[in-house]
Amino acid sequence: MSAAVRPAAAPAPGRLARARASIAARPRAELIAWAVLVALARPYKHDEFAVPATNQDIAGELHLSVDAVKSHLRSLFQRFGIEHLPQNQKRSRLVAEALQSGVLSTRDL
C-alpha cells in the first residue's frame, strides 16, 4: 500500500504580499491622502518638534499639484476632526494625531 501524498500547503503570504494586497484594496484617493500624510510627517522622523513639510515640498515629492495636496490635507483635517483649529496648528496636530492613533508609525516615515 502506498501512502497518500498530500500536496504541499501554499506558503503563508509574507508581510510584503499582505501590504500589497492591503494597498490594492484601497481607493486611489485614499492612497494619495496617506502618501500626503506620510510626506507631511516625514520631518518628524528625526526631530519631535520639527516643522511639517510645506505644500510645495509635498507636491514635489509626490509629483502632485499644490492644489491637489491642499485638497488632500483638507480631507485629512476633516477625517481627524481638526478642521476647526487655527491654520497654524492644523498641520502639526494632524501629524501628532496620526502618530498617536497608529495611522502612521515611525516605520512609515
PDB file of N, CA and C in Angstrom:
ATOM      1  N   MET A   1       0.812  -1.177   0.000  1.00  0.00           N
ATOM      2  CA  MET A   1       0.000   0.000   0.000  1.00  0.00           C
ATOM      3  C   MET A   1       0.858   1.243   0.000  1.00  0.00           C
ATOM      4  N   SER A   2       0.548   2.133  -0.881  1.00  0.00           N
ATOM      5  CA  SER A   2       1.332   3.363  -0.910  1.00  0.00           C
ATOM      6  C   SER A   2       0.632   4.425  -0.079  1.00  0.00           C
ATOM      7  N   ALA A   3       1.434   5.218   0.525  1.00  0.00           N
ATOM      8  CA  ALA A   3       0.875   6.300   1.358  1.00  0.00           C
ATOM      9  C   ALA A   3       0.378   7.419   0.447  1.00  0.00           C
ATOM     10  N   ALA A   4      -0.714   8.007   0.832  1.00  0.00           N
ATOM     11  CA  ALA A   4      -1.261   9.113   0.055  1.00  0.00           C
ATOM     12  C   ALA A   4      -0.326  10.311   0.150  1.00  0.00           C
ATOM     13  N   VAL A   5      -0.082  10.907  -0.967  1.00  0.00           N
ATOM     14  CA  VAL A   5       0.796  12.067  -0.998  1.00  0.00           C
ATOM     15  C   VAL A   5      -0.069  13.315  -0.942  1.00  0.00           C
ATOM     16  N   ARG A   6       0.198  14.125   0.026  1.00  0.00           N
ATOM     17  CA  ARG A   6      -0.551  15.362   0.181  1.00  0.00           C
ATOM     18  C   ARG A   6       0.176  16.484  -0.549  1.00  0.00           C
ATOM     19  N   PRO A   7      -0.582  17.322  -1.219  1.00  0.00           N
ATOM     20  CA  PRO A   7       0.088  18.458  -1.854  1.00  0.00           C
ATOM     21  C   PRO A   7       0.641  19.394  -0.791  1.00  0.00           C
ATOM     22  N   ALA A   8       1.747  20.010  -1.120  1.00  0.00           N
ATOM     23  CA  ALA A   8       2.361  20.953  -0.181  1.00  0.00           C
ATOM     24  C   ALA A   8       1.423  22.134   0.030  1.00  0.00           C
ATOM     25  N   ALA A   9       1.342  22.567   1.265  1.00  0.00           N
ATOM     26  CA  ALA A   9       0.496  23.719   1.588  1.00  0.00           C
ATOM     27  C   ALA A   9       1.105  24.972   0.973  1.00  0.00           C
ATOM     28  N   ALA A  10       0.263  25.832   0.520  1.00  0.00           N
ATOM     29  CA  ALA A  10       0.742  27.096  -0.042  1.00  0.00           C
ATOM     30  C   ALA A  10       1.380  27.907   1.066  1.00  0.00           C
ATOM     31  N   PRO A  11       2.494  28.532   0.777  1.00  0.00           N
ATOM     32  CA  PRO A  11       3.146  29.321   1.824  1.00  0.00           C
ATOM     33  C   PRO A  11       2.271  30.488   2.245  1.00  0.00           C
ATOM     34  N   ALA A  12       2.350  30.801   3.512  1.00  0.00           N
ATOM     35  CA  ALA A  12       1.598  31.950   4.028  1.00  0.00           C
ATOM     36  C   ALA A  12       2.136  33.209   3.390  1.00  0.00           C
ATOM     37  N   PRO A  13       1.249  34.120   3.017  1.00  0.00           N
ATOM     38  CA  PRO A  13       1.737  35.345   2.382  1.00  0.00           C
ATOM     39  C   PRO A  13       2.640  36.118   3.330  1.00  0.00           C
ATOM     40  N   GLY A  14       3.712  36.645   2.808  1.00  0.00           N
ATOM     41  CA  GLY A  14       4.648  37.430   3.609  1.00  0.00           C
ATOM     42  C   GLY A  14       4.118  38.822   3.875  1.00  0.00           C
ATOM     43  N   ARG A  15       4.869  39.524   4.648  1.00  0.00           N
ATOM     44  CA  ARG A  15       4.451  40.867   5.024  1.00  0.00           C
ATOM     45  C   ARG A  15       4.315  41.774   3.795  1.00  0.00           C
ATOM     46  N   LEU A  16       5.238  41.631   2.856  1.00  0.00           N
ATOM     47  CA  LEU A  16       5.174  42.444   1.646  1.00  0.00           C
ATOM     48  C   LEU A  16       3.920  42.122   0.839  1.00  0.00           C
ATOM     49  N   ALA A  17       3.596  40.844   0.722  1.00  0.00           N
ATOM     50  CA  ALA A  17       2.403  40.449  -0.030  1.00  0.00           C
ATOM     51  C   ALA A  17       1.135  40.973   0.647  1.00  0.00           C
ATOM     52  N   ARG A  18       1.102  40.908   1.966  1.00  0.00           N
ATOM     53  CA  ARG A  18      -0.074  41.427   2.690  1.00  0.00           C
ATOM     54  C   ARG A  18      -0.188  42.937   2.504  1.00  0.00           C
ATOM     55  N   ALA A  19       0.946  43.620   2.532  1.00  0.00           N
ATOM     56  CA  ALA A  19       0.922  45.073   2.342  1.00  0.00           C
ATOM     57  C   ALA A  19       0.436  45.420   0.942  1.00  0.00           C
ATOM     58  N   ARG A  20       0.919  44.678  -0.060  1.00  0.00           N
ATOM     59  CA  ARG A  20       0.469  44.934  -1.430  1.00  0.00           C
ATOM     60  C   ARG A  20      -1.027  44.681  -1.569  1.00  0.00           C
ATOM     61  N   ALA A  21      -1.515  43.604  -0.955  1.00  0.00           N
ATOM     62  CA  ALA A  21      -2.947  43.304  -1.033  1.00  0.00           C
ATOM     63  C   ALA A  21      -3.761  44.393  -0.351  1.00  0.00           C
ATOM     64  N   SER A  22      -3.270  44.882   0.777  1.00  0.00           N
ATOM     65  CA  SER A  22      -3.966  45.940   1.500  1.00  0.00           C
ATOM     66  C   SER A  22      -3.996  47.222   0.673  1.00  0.00           C
ATOM     67  N   ILE A  23      -2.879  47.536   0.045  1.00  0.00           N
ATOM     68  CA  ILE A  23      -2.804  48.740  -0.772  1.00  0.00           C
ATOM     69  C   ILE A  23      -3.704  48.620  -1.997  1.00  0.00           C
ATOM     70  N   ALA A  24      -3.699  47.456  -2.617  1.00  0.00           N
ATOM     71  CA  ALA A  24      -4.505  47.259  -3.826  1.00  0.00           C
ATOM     72  C   ALA A  24      -5.998  47.391  -3.533  1.00  0.00           C
ATOM     73  N   ALA A  25      -6.405  47.099  -2.292  1.00  0.00           N
ATOM     74  CA  ALA A  25      -7.816  47.148  -1.934  1.00  0.00           C
ATOM     75  C   ALA A  25      -8.288  48.568  -1.634  1.00  0.00           C
ATOM     76  N   ARG A  26      -7.370  49.503  -1.491  1.00  0.00           N
ATOM     77  CA  ARG A  26      -7.744  50.872  -1.142  1.00  0.00           C
ATOM     78  C   ARG A  26      -8.009  51.698  -2.392  1.00  0.00           C
ATOM     79  N   PRO A  27      -8.951  52.617  -2.302  1.00  0.00           N
ATOM     80  CA  PRO A  27      -9.178  53.531  -3.427  1.00  0.00           C
ATOM     81  C   PRO A  27      -7.952  54.421  -3.638  1.00  0.00           C
ATOM     82  N   ARG A  28      -7.726  54.820  -4.871  1.00  0.00           N
ATOM     83  CA  ARG A  28      -6.554  55.630  -5.219  1.00  0.00           C
ATOM     84  C   ARG A  28      -6.497  56.917  -4.394  1.00  0.00           C
ATOM     85  N   ALA A  29      -7.605  57.591  -4.228  1.00  0.00           N
ATOM     86  CA  ALA A  29      -7.617  58.846  -3.477  1.00  0.00           C
ATOM     87  C   ALA A  29      -7.162  58.633  -2.036  1.00  0.00           C
ATOM     88  N   GLU A  30      -7.543  57.514  -1.448  1.00  0.00           N
ATOM     89  CA  GLU A  30      -7.134  57.220  -0.078  1.00  0.00           C
ATOM     90  C   GLU A  30      -5.630  56.973   0.005  1.00  0.00           C
ATOM     91  N   LEU A  31      -5.084  56.297  -1.000  1.00  0.00           N
ATOM     92  CA  LEU A  31      -3.643  56.051  -1.028  1.00  0.00           C
ATOM     93  C   LEU A  31      -2.866  57.353  -1.165  1.00  0.00           C
ATOM     94  N   ILE A  32      -3.367  58.239  -2.011  1.00  0.00           N
ATOM     95  CA  ILE A  32      -2.686  59.517  -2.190  1.00  0.00           C
ATOM     96  C   ILE A  32      -2.769  60.337  -0.908  1.00  0.00           C
ATOM     97  N   ALA A  33      -3.914  60.326  -0.245  1.00  0.00           N
ATOM     98  CA  ALA A  33      -4.056  61.057   1.023  1.00  0.00           C
ATOM     99  C   ALA A  33      -3.083  60.505   2.064  1.00  0.00           C
ATOM    100  N   TRP A  34      -2.915  59.181   2.100  1.00  0.00           N
ATOM    101  CA  TRP A  34      -1.971  58.574   3.044  1.00  0.00           C
ATOM    102  C   TRP A  34      -0.539  59.000   2.695  1.00  0.00           C
ATOM    103  N   ALA A  35      -0.205  59.027   1.406  1.00  0.00           N
ATOM    104  CA  ALA A  35       1.136  59.450   0.983  1.00  0.00           C
ATOM    105  C   ALA A  35       1.380  60.911   1.353  1.00  0.00           C
ATOM    106  N   VAL A  36       0.350  61.749   1.222  1.00  0.00           N
ATOM    107  CA  VAL A  36       0.460  63.153   1.617  1.00  0.00           C
ATOM    108  C   VAL A  36       0.721  63.240   3.120  1.00  0.00           C
ATOM    109  N   LEU A  37       0.026  62.441   3.895  1.00  0.00           N
ATOM    110  CA  LEU A  37       0.207  62.431   5.346  1.00  0.00           C
ATOM    111  C   LEU A  37       1.626  61.986   5.714  1.00  0.00           C
ATOM    112  N   VAL A  38       2.132  60.962   5.057  1.00  0.00           N
ATOM    113  CA  VAL A  38       3.496  60.495   5.320  1.00  0.00           C
ATOM    114  C   VAL A  38       4.503  61.585   4.976  1.00  0.00           C
ATOM    115  N   ALA A  39       4.334  62.222   3.820  1.00  0.00           N
ATOM    116  CA  ALA A  39       5.252  63.282   3.419  1.00  0.00           C
ATOM    117  C   ALA A  39       5.187  64.466   4.385  1.00  0.00           C
ATOM    118  N   LEU A  40       3.995  64.784   4.850  1.00  0.00           N
ATOM    119  CA  LEU A  40       3.827  65.869   5.814  1.00  0.00           C
ATOM    120  C   LEU A  40       4.572  65.555   7.105  1.00  0.00           C
ATOM    121  N   ALA A  41       4.512  64.313   7.528  1.00  0.00           N
ATOM    122  CA  ALA A  41       5.084  63.909   8.813  1.00  0.00           C
ATOM    123  C   ALA A  41       6.568  63.587   8.753  1.00  0.00           C
ATOM    124  N   ARG A  42       7.114  63.382   7.571  1.00  0.00           N
ATOM    125  CA  ARG A  42       8.499  62.922   7.450  1.00  0.00           C
ATOM    126  C   ARG A  42       9.510  63.762   8.235  1.00  0.00           C
ATOM    127  N   PRO A  43       9.418  65.083   8.306  1.00  0.00           N
ATOM    128  CA  PRO A  43      10.401  65.837   9.112  1.00  0.00           C
ATOM    129  C   PRO A  43      10.413  65.422  10.589  1.00  0.00           C
ATOM    130  N   TYR A  44       9.340  64.827  11.087  1.00  0.00           N
ATOM    131  CA  TYR A  44       9.277  64.416  12.485  1.00  0.00           C
ATOM    132  C   TYR A  44      10.104  63.174  12.768  1.00  0.00           C
ATOM    133  N   LYS A  45      10.575  62.510  11.727  1.00  0.00           N
ATOM    134  CA  LYS A  45      11.342  61.278  11.908  1.00  0.00           C
ATOM    135  C   LYS A  45      12.581  61.527  12.767  1.00  0.00           C
ATOM    136  N   HIS A  46      13.204  62.675  12.584  1.00  0.00           N
ATOM    137  CA  HIS A  46      14.450  62.951  13.291  1.00  0.00           C
ATOM    138  C   HIS A  46      14.304  63.943  14.439  1.00  0.00           C
ATOM    139  N   ASP A  47      13.206  64.664  14.467  1.00  0.00           N
ATOM    140  CA  ASP A  47      13.041  65.688  15.486  1.00  0.00           C
ATOM    141  C   ASP A  47      11.565  65.831  15.841  1.00  0.00           C
ATOM    142  N   GLU A  48      11.242  65.519  17.060  1.00  0.00           N
ATOM    143  CA  GLU A  48       9.850  65.544  17.513  1.00  0.00           C
ATOM    144  C   GLU A  48       9.204  66.911  17.321  1.00  0.00           C
ATOM    145  N   PHE A  49       9.996  67.968  17.340  1.00  0.00           N
ATOM    146  CA  PHE A  49       9.451  69.316  17.248  1.00  0.00           C
ATOM    147  C   PHE A  49       9.708  69.953  15.886  1.00  0.00           C
ATOM    148  N   ALA A  50       9.882  69.147  14.879  1.00  0.00           N
ATOM    149  CA  ALA A  50      10.152  69.651  13.530  1.00  0.00           C
ATOM    150  C   ALA A  50       8.929  70.361  12.963  1.00  0.00           C
ATOM    151  N   VAL A  51       9.181  71.187  11.982  1.00  0.00           N
ATOM    152  CA  VAL A  51       8.113  71.867  11.256  1.00  0.00           C
ATOM    153  C   VAL A  51       7.630  70.918  10.157  1.00  0.00           C
ATOM    154  N   PRO A  52       6.328  70.728  10.017  1.00  0.00           N
ATOM    155  CA  PRO A  52       5.829  69.837   8.959  1.00  0.00           C
ATOM    156  C   PRO A  52       6.257  70.324   7.578  1.00  0.00           C
ATOM    157  N   ALA A  53       6.313  69.409   6.641  1.00  0.00           N
ATOM    158  CA  ALA A  53       6.669  69.752   5.263  1.00  0.00           C
ATOM    159  C   ALA A  53       5.662  70.746   4.693  1.00  0.00           C
ATOM    160  N   THR A  54       6.126  71.583   3.791  1.00  0.00           N
ATOM    161  CA  THR A  54       5.242  72.560   3.152  1.00  0.00           C
ATOM    162  C   THR A  54       4.447  71.885   2.029  1.00  0.00           C
ATOM    163  N   ASN A  55       3.396  72.550   1.594  1.00  0.00           N
ATOM    164  CA  ASN A  55       2.614  72.022   0.470  1.00  0.00           C
ATOM    165  C   ASN A  55       3.491  71.853  -0.767  1.00  0.00           C
ATOM    166  N   GLN A  56       4.390  72.796  -0.995  1.00  0.00           N
ATOM    167  CA  GLN A  56       5.274  72.719  -2.148  1.00  0.00           C
ATOM    168  C   GLN A  56       6.221  71.525  -2.032  1.00  0.00           C
ATOM    169  N   ASP A  57       6.750  71.273  -0.829  1.00  0.00           N
ATOM    170  CA  ASP A  57       7.635  70.128  -0.611  1.00  0.00           C
ATOM    171  C   ASP A  57       6.902  68.819  -0.902  1.00  0.00           C
ATOM    172  N   ILE A  58       5.688  68.716  -0.381  1.00  0.00           N
ATOM    173  CA  ILE A  58       4.894  67.502  -0.563  1.00  0.00           C
ATOM    174  C   ILE A  58       4.547  67.310  -2.035  1.00  0.00           C
ATOM    175  N   ALA A  59       4.136  68.380  -2.692  1.00  0.00           N
ATOM    176  CA  ALA A  59       3.781  68.305  -4.112  1.00  0.00           C
ATOM    177  C   ALA A  59       4.979  67.834  -4.936  1.00  0.00           C
ATOM    178  N   GLY A  60       6.141  68.363  -4.657  1.00  0.00           N
ATOM    179  CA  GLY A  60       7.339  67.959  -5.383  1.00  0.00           C
ATOM    180  C   GLY A  60       7.704  66.506  -5.139  1.00  0.00           C
ATOM    181  N   GLU A  61       7.602  66.076  -3.896  1.00  0.00           N
ATOM    182  CA  GLU A  61       7.949  64.690  -3.542  1.00  0.00           C
ATOM    183  C   GLU A  61       7.003  63.688  -4.187  1.00  0.00           C
ATOM    184  N   LEU A  62       5.717  64.019  -4.225  1.00  0.00           N
ATOM    185  CA  LEU A  62       4.708  63.071  -4.707  1.00  0.00           C
ATOM    186  C   LEU A  62       4.286  63.315  -6.156  1.00  0.00           C
ATOM    187  N   HIS A  63       4.877  64.333  -6.791  1.00  0.00           N
ATOM    188  CA  HIS A  63       4.538  64.670  -8.182  1.00  0.00           C
ATOM    189  C   HIS A  63       3.046  64.986  -8.323  1.00  0.00           C
ATOM    190  N   LEU A  64       2.565  65.829  -7.409  1.00  0.00           N
ATOM    191  CA  LEU A  64       1.178  66.298  -7.413  1.00  0.00           C
ATOM    192  C   LEU A  64       1.197  67.817  -7.551  1.00  0.00           C
ATOM    193  N   SER A  65       0.060  68.376  -7.883  1.00  0.00           N
ATOM    194  CA  SER A  65      -0.040  69.829  -7.875  1.00  0.00           C
ATOM    195  C   SER A  65      -0.228  70.289  -6.422  1.00  0.00           C
ATOM    196  N   VAL A  66       0.113  71.534  -6.179  1.00  0.00           N
ATOM    197  CA  VAL A  66      -0.071  72.095  -4.841  1.00  0.00           C
ATOM    198  C   VAL A  66      -1.554  72.084  -4.476  1.00  0.00           C
ATOM    199  N   ASP A  67      -2.429  72.348  -5.450  1.00  0.00           N
ATOM    200  CA  ASP A  67      -3.869  72.321  -5.183  1.00  0.00           C
ATOM    201  C   ASP A  67      -4.333  70.921  -4.775  1.00  0.00           C
ATOM    202  N   ALA A  68      -3.770  69.886  -5.385  1.00  0.00           N
ATOM    203  CA  ALA A  68      -4.128  68.509  -5.008  1.00  0.00           C
ATOM    204  C   ALA A  68      -3.693  68.218  -3.572  1.00  0.00           C
ATOM    205  N   VAL A  69      -2.511  68.682  -3.203  1.00  0.00           N
ATOM    206  CA  VAL A  69      -2.028  68.497  -1.833  1.00  0.00           C
ATOM    207  C   VAL A  69      -2.963  69.193  -0.857  1.00  0.00           C
ATOM    208  N   LYS A  70      -3.343  70.420  -1.173  1.00  0.00           N
ATOM    209  CA  LYS A  70      -4.251  71.173  -0.299  1.00  0.00           C
ATOM    210  C   LYS A  70      -5.586  70.448  -0.140  1.00  0.00           C
ATOM    211  N   SER A  71      -6.089  69.903  -1.221  1.00  0.00           N
ATOM    212  CA  SER A  71      -7.357  69.175  -1.182  1.00  0.00           C
ATOM    213  C   SER A  71      -7.255  67.946  -0.281  1.00  0.00           C
ATOM    214  N   HIS A  72      -6.175  67.194  -0.419  1.00  0.00           N
ATOM    215  CA  HIS A  72      -5.996  66.005   0.418  1.00  0.00           C
ATOM    216  C   HIS A  72      -5.811  66.386   1.884  1.00  0.00           C
ATOM    217  N   LEU A  73      -5.105  67.478   2.133  1.00  0.00           N
ATOM    218  CA  LEU A  73      -4.942  67.925   3.519  1.00  0.00           C
ATOM    219  C   LEU A  73      -6.276  68.342   4.132  1.00  0.00           C
ATOM    220  N   ARG A  74      -7.103  69.051   3.374  1.00  0.00           N
ATOM    221  CA  ARG A  74      -8.438  69.425   3.895  1.00  0.00           C
ATOM    222  C   ARG A  74      -9.227  68.175   4.264  1.00  0.00           C
ATOM    223  N   SER A  75      -9.154  67.169   3.415  1.00  0.00           N
ATOM    224  CA  SER A  75      -9.849  65.909   3.679  1.00  0.00           C
ATOM    225  C   SER A  75      -9.308  65.246   4.957  1.00  0.00           C
ATOM    226  N   LEU A  76      -7.994  65.263   5.105  1.00  0.00           N
ATOM    227  CA  LEU A  76      -7.387  64.671   6.307  1.00  0.00           C
ATOM    228  C   LEU A  76      -7.755  65.460   7.563  1.00  0.00           C
ATOM    229  N   PHE A  77      -7.788  66.782   7.460  1.00  0.00           N
ATOM    230  CA  PHE A  77      -8.195  67.594   8.612  1.00  0.00           C
ATOM    231  C   PHE A  77      -9.602  67.207   9.054  1.00  0.00           C
ATOM    232  N   GLN A  78     -10.496  67.007   8.103  1.00  0.00           N
ATOM    233  CA  GLN A  78     -11.869  66.618   8.424  1.00  0.00           C
ATOM    234  C   GLN A  78     -11.920  65.221   9.017  1.00  0.00           C
ATOM    235  N   ARG A  79     -11.184  64.285   8.447  1.00  0.00           N
ATOM    236  CA  ARG A  79     -11.185  62.907   8.958  1.00  0.00           C
ATOM    237  C   ARG A  79     -10.727  62.832  10.407  1.00  0.00           C
ATOM    238  N   PHE A  80      -9.750  63.680  10.753  1.00  0.00           N
ATOM    239  CA  PHE A  80      -9.217  63.667  12.110  1.00  0.00           C
ATOM    240  C   PHE A  80      -9.939  64.655  13.025  1.00  0.00           C
ATOM    241  N   GLY A  81     -10.938  65.360  12.495  1.00  0.00           N
ATOM    242  CA  GLY A  81     -11.739  66.266  13.306  1.00  0.00           C
ATOM    243  C   GLY A  81     -10.992  67.486  13.794  1.00  0.00           C
ATOM    244  N   ILE A  82     -10.057  67.984  13.005  1.00  0.00           N
ATOM    245  CA  ILE A  82      -9.270  69.135  13.442  1.00  0.00           C
ATOM    246  C   ILE A  82      -9.434  70.328  12.503  1.00  0.00           C
ATOM    247  N   GLU A  83     -10.463  70.301  11.665  1.00  0.00           N
ATOM    248  CA  GLU A  83     -10.661  71.407  10.720  1.00  0.00           C
ATOM    249  C   GLU A  83     -10.986  72.714  11.427  1.00  0.00           C
ATOM    250  N   HIS A  84     -11.427  72.652  12.680  1.00  0.00           N
ATOM    251  CA  HIS A  84     -11.792  73.853  13.430  1.00  0.00           C
ATOM    252  C   HIS A  84     -10.586  74.586  14.017  1.00  0.00           C
ATOM    253  N   LEU A  85      -9.431  73.957  14.053  1.00  0.00           N
ATOM    254  CA  LEU A  85      -8.238  74.583  14.643  1.00  0.00           C
ATOM    255  C   LEU A  85      -7.739  75.740  13.788  1.00  0.00           C
ATOM    256  N   PRO A  86      -7.017  76.672  14.409  1.00  0.00           N
ATOM    257  CA  PRO A  86      -6.395  77.743  13.621  1.00  0.00           C
ATOM    258  C   PRO A  86      -5.433  77.141  12.583  1.00  0.00           C
ATOM    259  N   GLN A  87      -5.284  77.805  11.473  1.00  0.00           N
ATOM    260  CA  GLN A  87      -4.487  77.291  10.359  1.00  0.00           C
ATOM    261  C   GLN A  87      -3.066  76.927  10.780  1.00  0.00           C
ATOM    262  N   ASN A  88      -2.464  77.705  11.669  1.00  0.00           N
ATOM    263  CA  ASN A  88      -1.083  77.454  12.054  1.00  0.00           C
ATOM    264  C   ASN A  88      -0.919  76.256  12.987  1.00  0.00           C
ATOM    265  N   GLN A  89      -2.005  75.635  13.432  1.00  0.00           N
ATOM    266  CA  GLN A  89      -1.931  74.471  14.319  1.00  0.00           C
ATOM    267  C   GLN A  89      -2.348  73.169  13.644  1.00  0.00           C
ATOM    268  N   LYS A  90      -3.056  73.259  12.533  1.00  0.00           N
ATOM    269  CA  LYS A  90      -3.639  72.064  11.908  1.00  0.00           C
ATOM    270  C   LYS A  90      -2.599  71.033  11.491  1.00  0.00           C
ATOM    271  N   ARG A  91      -1.543  71.469  10.821  1.00  0.00           N
ATOM    272  CA  ARG A  91      -0.584  70.538  10.244  1.00  0.00           C
ATOM    273  C   ARG A  91       0.154  69.735  11.318  1.00  0.00           C
ATOM    274  N   SER A  92       0.653  70.430  12.331  1.00  0.00           N
ATOM    275  CA  SER A  92       1.375  69.707  13.383  1.00  0.00           C
ATOM    276  C   SER A  92       0.434  68.830  14.189  1.00  0.00           C
ATOM    277  N   ARG A  93      -0.802  69.269  14.412  1.00  0.00           N
ATOM    278  CA  ARG A  93      -1.774  68.458  15.135  1.00  0.00           C
ATOM    279  C   ARG A  93      -2.146  67.217  14.332  1.00  0.00           C
ATOM    280  N   LEU A  94      -2.268  67.369  13.009  1.00  0.00           N
ATOM    281  CA  LEU A  94      -2.576  66.237  12.143  1.00  0.00           C
ATOM    282  C   LEU A  94      -1.500  65.164  12.267  1.00  0.00           C
ATOM    283  N   VAL A  95      -0.251  65.575  12.224  1.00  0.00           N
ATOM    284  CA  VAL A  95       0.852  64.615  12.354  1.00  0.00           C
ATOM    285  C   VAL A  95       0.800  63.942  13.722  1.00  0.00           C
ATOM    286  N   ALA A  96       0.607  64.731  14.771  1.00  0.00           N
ATOM    287  CA  ALA A  96       0.560  64.176  16.127  1.00  0.00           C
ATOM    288  C   ALA A  96      -0.589  63.179  16.273  1.00  0.00           C
ATOM    289  N   GLU A  97      -1.765  63.536  15.772  1.00  0.00           N
ATOM    290  CA  GLU A  97      -2.929  62.648  15.867  1.00  0.00           C
ATOM    291  C   GLU A  97      -2.702  61.359  15.073  1.00  0.00           C
ATOM    292  N   ALA A  98      -2.122  61.474  13.894  1.00  0.00           N
ATOM    293  CA  ALA A  98      -1.881  60.289  13.058  1.00  0.00           C
ATOM    294  C   ALA A  98      -0.884  59.337  13.727  1.00  0.00           C
ATOM    295  N   LEU A  99       0.141  59.889  14.354  1.00  0.00           N
ATOM    296  CA  LEU A  99       1.123  59.048  15.037  1.00  0.00           C
ATOM    297  C   LEU A  99       0.535  58.435  16.308  1.00  0.00           C
ATOM    298  N   GLN A 100      -0.221  59.205  17.071  1.00  0.00           N
ATOM    299  CA  GLN A 100      -0.810  58.702  18.312  1.00  0.00           C
ATOM    300  C   GLN A 100      -1.869  57.638  18.055  1.00  0.00           C
ATOM    301  N   SER A 101      -2.631  57.807  16.987  1.00  0.00           N
ATOM    302  CA  SER A 101      -3.719  56.850  16.699  1.00  0.00           C
ATOM    303  C   SER A 101      -3.219  55.602  16.000  1.00  0.00           C
ATOM    304  N   GLY A 102      -1.973  55.607  15.541  1.00  0.00           N
ATOM    305  CA  GLY A 102      -1.436  54.438  14.855  1.00  0.00           C
ATOM    306  C   GLY A 102      -1.667  54.434  13.361  1.00  0.00           C
ATOM    307  N   VAL A 103      -2.294  55.471  12.835  1.00  0.00           N
ATOM    308  CA  VAL A 103      -2.485  55.567  11.381  1.00  0.00           C
ATOM    309  C   VAL A 103      -1.112  55.630  10.716  1.00  0.00           C
ATOM    310  N   LEU A 104      -0.178  56.319  11.359  1.00  0.00           N
ATOM    311  CA  LEU A 104       1.204  56.366  10.917  1.00  0.00           C
ATOM    312  C   LEU A 104       2.087  55.827  12.027  1.00  0.00           C
ATOM    313  N   SER A 105       3.167  55.204  11.635  1.00  0.00           N
ATOM    314  CA  SER A 105       4.181  54.827  12.615  1.00  0.00           C
ATOM    315  C   SER A 105       5.505  55.380  12.137  1.00  0.00           C
ATOM    316  N   THR A 106       6.483  55.385  12.998  1.00  0.00           N
ATOM    317  CA  THR A 106       7.781  55.920  12.602  1.00  0.00           C
ATOM    318  C   THR A 106       8.392  55.085  11.476  1.00  0.00           C
ATOM    319  N   ARG A 107       7.992  53.827  11.339  1.00  0.00           N
ATOM    320  CA  ARG A 107       8.476  52.995  10.237  1.00  0.00           C
ATOM    321  C   ARG A 107       7.971  53.509   8.888  1.00  0.00           C
ATOM    322  N   ASP A 108       6.810  54.147   8.879  1.00  0.00           N
ATOM    323  CA  ASP A 108       6.252  54.689   7.641  1.00  0.00           C
ATOM    324  C   ASP A 108       7.047  55.891   7.142  1.00  0.00           C
ATOM    325  N   LEU A 109       7.726  56.547   8.056  1.00  0.00           N
ATOM    326  CA  LEU A 109       8.454  57.758   7.698  1.00  0.00           C
ATOM    327  C   LEU A 109       9.787  57.373   7.160  1.00  0.00           C
TER     328      LEU A 109
END
